[in-house]
Amino acid sequence: MDAQKIQSYFSKPDKIILGVGAEVSKKINSSPLVPRIGLVVLTFFLIPLGLFLYILLYLTLVLRKGKTVTFSLTGALLGIPLSYYFQPEIIKNWKGGSGVFGYLTGLPGIMEEYHHYVGNSWSLIGNLMLSIFLFTFLGGIIGFILEKKANQSS
């Protein structure tokens, strides 16, 4: 992926990040500010839902090519719930082992109790970030390979 292609994702006048707000505003005939504010508010209140919606809108409305970026973003998004599997057993079994959903919804409380009883709750965030980076990297590699194969066959 060359620098000009990467720059095109961020430098067009109707795009701030990936162009989701601009594309949604075209569909609903409004200012791009309306969907951007809506997505930010949704993300503040329901972080996983806001991120999933943003990625879904990007994949369905904006992206026509560029599998590397698509798979990287999807990998980053999947890295959040998959970080559960990188956490220590004490976290996986927290309050009866409620699984990935319980981990995601109760992460602030888990961190507070973990810090109170075990100490250094920032190690949990380190595991979360490690998972996000790892799956972003893996998704980018998969997307790059798929994009390269598509370019070779055309």
C-alpha atoms as a PDB file:
ATOM      1  CA  MET A   1       0.000   0.000   0.000  1.00  0.00           C
ATOM      2  CA  ASP A   2       1.616   3.251  -1.067  1.00  0.00           C
ATOM      3  CA  ALA A   3       1.604   6.551   0.798  1.00  0.00           C
ATOM      4  CA  GLN A   4      -0.713   8.257  -1.712  1.00  0.00           C
ATOM      5  CA  LYS A   5      -3.389   5.586  -1.210  1.00  0.00           C
ATOM      6  CA  ILE A   6      -3.119   5.867   2.584  1.00  0.00           C
ATOM      7  CA  GLN A   7      -3.284   9.668   2.368  1.00  0.00           C
ATOM      8  CA  SER A   8      -6.483   9.457   0.276  1.00  0.00           C
ATOM      9  CA  TYR A   9      -8.310   7.908   3.244  1.00  0.00           C
ATOM     10  CA  PHE A  10      -7.701  10.999   5.370  1.00  0.00           C
ATOM     11  CA  SER A  11      -7.226  13.997   3.063  1.00  0.00           C
ATOM     12  CA  LYS A  12     -10.446  14.385   1.085  1.00  0.00           C
ATOM     13  CA  PRO A  13     -12.463  17.467   2.049  1.00  0.00           C
ATOM     14  CA  ASP A  14     -15.624  15.491   2.906  1.00  0.00           C
ATOM     15  CA  LYS A  15     -13.745  13.052   5.135  1.00  0.00           C
ATOM     16  CA  ILE A  16     -12.515  13.594   8.647  1.00  0.00           C
ATOM     17  CA  ILE A  17     -11.393  10.037   9.354  1.00  0.00           C
ATOM     18  CA  LEU A  18     -12.848   7.503   6.932  1.00  0.00           C
ATOM     19  CA  GLY A  19     -15.789   9.367   5.423  1.00  0.00           C
ATOM     20  CA  VAL A  20     -18.615   7.608   7.259  1.00  0.00           C
ATOM     21  CA  GLY A  21     -20.244  10.846   8.417  1.00  0.00           C
ATOM     22  CA  ALA A  22     -20.104  12.313   4.910  1.00  0.00           C
ATOM     23  CA  GLU A  23     -21.639   9.210   3.310  1.00  0.00           C
ATOM     24  CA  VAL A  24     -24.418   8.931   5.915  1.00  0.00           C
ATOM     25  CA  SER A  25     -25.205  12.652   5.524  1.00  0.00           C
ATOM     26  CA  LYS A  26     -25.543  12.179   1.749  1.00  0.00           C
ATOM     27  CA  LYS A  27     -28.011   9.342   2.339  1.00  0.00           C
ATOM     28  CA  ILE A  28     -30.177  11.322   4.783  1.00  0.00           C
ATOM     29  CA  ASN A  29     -29.716  14.790   3.194  1.00  0.00           C
ATOM     30  CA  SER A  30     -28.216  16.508   6.205  1.00  0.00           C
ATOM     31  CA  SER A  31     -25.029  18.139   7.302  1.00  0.00           C
ATOM     32  CA  PRO A  32     -22.134  15.699   7.951  1.00  0.00           C
ATOM     33  CA  LEU A  33     -22.064  17.069  11.478  1.00  0.00           C
ATOM     34  CA  VAL A  34     -25.363  15.318  12.370  1.00  0.00           C
ATOM     35  CA  PRO A  35     -24.202  11.698  11.881  1.00  0.00           C
ATOM     36  CA  ARG A  36     -20.782  12.501  13.338  1.00  0.00           C
ATOM     37  CA  ILE A  37     -22.293  13.835  16.552  1.00  0.00           C
ATOM     38  CA  GLY A  38     -24.702  10.895  16.653  1.00  0.00           C
ATOM     39  CA  LEU A  39     -21.884   8.379  16.322  1.00  0.00           C
ATOM     40  CA  VAL A  40     -19.776  10.139  18.957  1.00  0.00           C
ATOM     41  CA  VAL A  41     -22.676  10.241  21.430  1.00  0.00           C
ATOM     42  CA  LEU A  42     -23.524   6.583  20.751  1.00  0.00           C
ATOM     43  CA  THR A  43     -19.890   5.613  21.248  1.00  0.00           C
ATOM     44  CA  PHE A  44     -19.669   7.497  24.550  1.00  0.00           C
ATOM     45  CA  PHE A  45     -22.714   5.719  25.946  1.00  0.00           C
ATOM     46  CA  LEU A  46     -22.253   2.275  24.384  1.00  0.00           C
ATOM     47  CA  ILE A  47     -18.622   1.919  23.331  1.00  0.00           C
ATOM     48  CA  PRO A  48     -18.810  -1.478  21.595  1.00  0.00           C
ATOM     49  CA  LEU A  49     -22.052  -0.617  19.798  1.00  0.00           C
ATOM     50  CA  GLY A  50     -20.748   2.738  18.539  1.00  0.00           C
ATOM     51  CA  LEU A  51     -17.548   1.176  17.222  1.00  0.00           C
ATOM     52  CA  PHE A  52     -19.385  -1.738  15.613  1.00  0.00           C
ATOM     53  CA  LEU A  53     -21.834   0.636  13.944  1.00  0.00           C
ATOM     54  CA  TYR A  54     -19.012   2.862  12.666  1.00  0.00           C
ATOM     55  CA  ILE A  55     -17.152  -0.098  11.163  1.00  0.00           C
ATOM     56  CA  LEU A  56     -20.363  -1.513   9.704  1.00  0.00           C
ATOM     57  CA  LEU A  57     -21.244   1.823   8.099  1.00  0.00           C
ATOM     58  CA  TYR A  58     -17.715   2.127   6.763  1.00  0.00           C
ATOM     59  CA  LEU A  59     -17.800  -1.333   5.230  1.00  0.00           C
ATOM     60  CA  THR A  60     -21.252  -0.936   3.676  1.00  0.00           C
ATOM     61  CA  LEU A  61     -21.289   2.717   2.573  1.00  0.00           C
ATOM     62  CA  VAL A  62     -17.743   3.889   2.034  1.00  0.00           C
ATOM     63  CA  LEU A  63     -15.454   1.016   1.247  1.00  0.00           C
ATOM     64  CA  ARG A  64     -15.367  -0.296  -2.250  1.00  0.00           C
ATOM     65  CA  LYS A  65     -11.728  -1.337  -2.316  1.00  0.00           C
ATOM     66  CA  GLY A  66      -8.961  -1.394   0.219  1.00  0.00           C
ATOM     67  CA  LYS A  67      -9.118  -4.723   1.962  1.00  0.00           C
ATOM     68  CA  THR A  68      -6.044  -3.921   4.039  1.00  0.00           C
ATOM     69  CA  VAL A  69      -7.783  -1.084   5.880  1.00  0.00           C
ATOM     70  CA  THR A  70     -11.033  -3.045   6.166  1.00  0.00           C
ATOM     71  CA  PHE A  71      -9.411  -6.107   7.685  1.00  0.00           C
ATOM     72  CA  SER A  72      -7.211  -3.977   9.967  1.00  0.00           C
ATOM     73  CA  LEU A  73     -10.227  -2.129  11.364  1.00  0.00           C
ATOM     74  CA  THR A  74     -12.181  -5.347  11.719  1.00  0.00           C
ATOM     75  CA  GLY A  75      -9.228  -6.938  13.509  1.00  0.00           C
ATOM     76  CA  ALA A  76      -8.980  -3.977  15.886  1.00  0.00           C
ATOM     77  CA  LEU A  77     -12.673  -4.200  16.629  1.00  0.00           C
ATOM     78  CA  LEU A  78     -12.508  -7.938  17.221  1.00  0.00           C
ATOM     79  CA  GLY A  79      -9.450  -7.450  19.428  1.00  0.00           C
ATOM     80  CA  ILE A  80     -11.609  -5.869  22.132  1.00  0.00           C
ATOM     81  CA  PRO A  81     -13.763  -8.916  22.930  1.00  0.00           C
ATOM     82  CA  LEU A  82     -10.949 -11.347  22.121  1.00  0.00           C
ATOM     83  CA  SER A  83      -8.756  -9.660  24.745  1.00  0.00           C
ATOM     84  CA  TYR A  84     -10.807 -11.653  27.251  1.00  0.00           C
ATOM     85  CA  TYR A  85      -8.746 -14.698  26.296  1.00  0.00           C
ATOM     86  CA  PHE A  86      -5.483 -12.865  27.094  1.00  0.00           C
ATOM     87  CA  GLN A  87      -6.603 -12.001  30.624  1.00  0.00           C
ATOM     88  CA  PRO A  88      -5.541 -14.001  33.697  1.00  0.00           C
ATOM     89  CA  GLU A  89      -7.787 -16.769  35.016  1.00  0.00           C
ATOM     90  CA  ILE A  90      -8.906 -14.615  37.944  1.00  0.00           C
ATOM     91  CA  ILE A  91     -10.518 -12.207  35.451  1.00  0.00           C
ATOM     92  CA  LYS A  92     -12.082 -14.975  33.343  1.00  0.00           C
ATOM     93  CA  ASN A  93     -13.679 -16.453  36.475  1.00  0.00           C
ATOM     94  CA  TRP A  94     -14.705 -13.093  37.965  1.00  0.00           C
ATOM     95  CA  LYS A  95     -18.168 -13.287  39.600  1.00  0.00           C
ATOM     96  CA  GLY A  96     -18.863 -16.790  38.376  1.00  0.00           C
ATOM     97  CA  GLY A  97     -17.205 -16.568  34.983  1.00  0.00           C
ATOM     98  CA  SER A  98     -19.812 -14.604  33.044  1.00  0.00           C
ATOM     99  CA  GLY A  99     -17.803 -14.868  29.822  1.00  0.00           C
ATOM    100  CA  VAL A 100     -16.834 -12.310  27.229  1.00  0.00           C
ATOM    101  CA  PHE A 101     -20.020 -10.240  27.517  1.00  0.00           C
ATOM    102  CA  GLY A 102     -19.712  -9.962  31.281  1.00  0.00           C
ATOM    103  CA  TYR A 103     -16.068  -9.020  30.868  1.00  0.00           C
ATOM    104  CA  LEU A 104     -16.862  -6.249  28.385  1.00  0.00           C
ATOM    105  CA  THR A 105     -19.785  -4.781  30.284  1.00  0.00           C
ATOM    106  CA  GLY A 106     -18.125  -4.985  33.692  1.00  0.00           C
ATOM    107  CA  LEU A 107     -14.553  -4.000  32.797  1.00  0.00           C
ATOM    108  CA  PRO A 108     -14.470  -0.779  34.875  1.00  0.00           C
ATOM    109  CA  GLY A 109     -15.791  -2.607  37.948  1.00  0.00           C
ATOM    110  CA  ILE A 110     -13.473  -5.537  37.358  1.00  0.00           C
ATOM    111  CA  MET A 111     -10.510  -3.173  37.152  1.00  0.00           C
ATOM    112  CA  GLU A 112     -11.489  -1.419  40.368  1.00  0.00           C
ATOM    113  CA  GLU A 113     -11.877  -4.665  42.339  1.00  0.00           C
ATOM    114  CA  TYR A 114      -8.753  -6.178  40.775  1.00  0.00           C
ATOM    115  CA  HIS A 115      -6.761  -3.112  41.815  1.00  0.00           C
ATOM    116  CA  HIS A 116      -8.202  -3.277  45.340  1.00  0.00           C
ATOM    117  CA  TYR A 117      -7.474  -6.982  45.912  1.00  0.00           C
ATOM    118  CA  VAL A 118      -4.552  -7.799  43.597  1.00  0.00           C
ATOM    119  CA  GLY A 119      -3.037  -4.462  42.567  1.00  0.00           C
ATOM    120  CA  ASN A 120      -1.867  -3.025  39.241  1.00  0.00           C
ATOM    121  CA  SER A 121      -5.123  -3.108  37.316  1.00  0.00           C
ATOM    122  CA  TRP A 122      -3.353  -1.383  34.430  1.00  0.00           C
ATOM    123  CA  SER A 123      -1.979  -4.781  33.432  1.00  0.00           C
ATOM    124  CA  LEU A 124      -5.541  -5.597  32.337  1.00  0.00           C
ATOM    125  CA  ILE A 125      -5.540  -2.582  30.012  1.00  0.00           C
ATOM    126  CA  GLY A 126      -2.139  -3.696  28.726  1.00  0.00           C
ATOM    127  CA  ASN A 127      -3.644  -7.069  27.793  1.00  0.00           C
ATOM    128  CA  LEU A 128      -6.553  -5.305  26.106  1.00  0.00           C
ATOM    129  CA  MET A 129      -4.242  -3.062  24.061  1.00  0.00           C
ATOM    130  CA  LEU A 130      -2.001  -6.018  23.165  1.00  0.00           C
ATOM    131  CA  SER A 131      -5.009  -7.861  21.809  1.00  0.00           C
ATOM    132  CA  ILE A 132      -6.195  -4.867  19.782  1.00  0.00           C
ATOM    133  CA  PHE A 133      -2.756  -4.322  18.253  1.00  0.00           C
ATOM    134  CA  LEU A 134      -2.245  -8.028  17.564  1.00  0.00           C
ATOM    135  CA  PHE A 135      -5.572  -8.477  15.781  1.00  0.00           C
ATOM    136  CA  THR A 136      -5.170  -5.187  13.894  1.00  0.00           C
ATOM    137  CA  PHE A 137      -1.824  -6.406  12.614  1.00  0.00           C
ATOM    138  CA  LEU A 138      -3.182  -9.850  11.688  1.00  0.00           C
ATOM    139  CA  GLY A 139      -6.205  -8.314   9.966  1.00  0.00           C
ATOM    140  CA  GLY A 140      -3.947  -5.952   8.039  1.00  0.00           C
ATOM    141  CA  ILE A 141      -1.775  -8.808   6.844  1.00  0.00           C
ATOM    142  CA  ILE A 142      -4.812 -10.823   5.721  1.00  0.00           C
ATOM    143  CA  GLY A 143      -6.265  -7.792   3.924  1.00  0.00           C
ATOM    144  CA  PHE A 144      -2.930  -6.991   2.284  1.00  0.00           C
ATOM    145  CA  ILE A 145      -2.594 -10.559   0.985  1.00  0.00           C
ATOM    146  CA  LEU A 146      -6.161 -10.592  -0.320  1.00  0.00           C
ATOM    147  CA  GLU A 147      -5.726  -7.183  -1.945  1.00  0.00           C
ATOM    148  CA  LYS A 148      -2.447  -8.261  -3.549  1.00  0.00           C
ATOM    149  CA  LYS A 149      -4.048 -11.433  -4.944  1.00  0.00           C
ATOM    150  CA  ALA A 150      -6.984  -9.419  -6.317  1.00  0.00           C
ATOM    151  CA  ASN A 151      -4.593  -6.982  -8.021  1.00  0.00           C
ATOM    152  CA  GLN A 152      -2.566  -9.820  -9.537  1.00  0.00           C
ATOM    153  CA  SER A 153      -5.633 -11.564 -10.955  1.00  0.00           C
ATOM    154  CA  SER A 154      -6.986  -8.356 -12.552  1.00  0.00           C
END
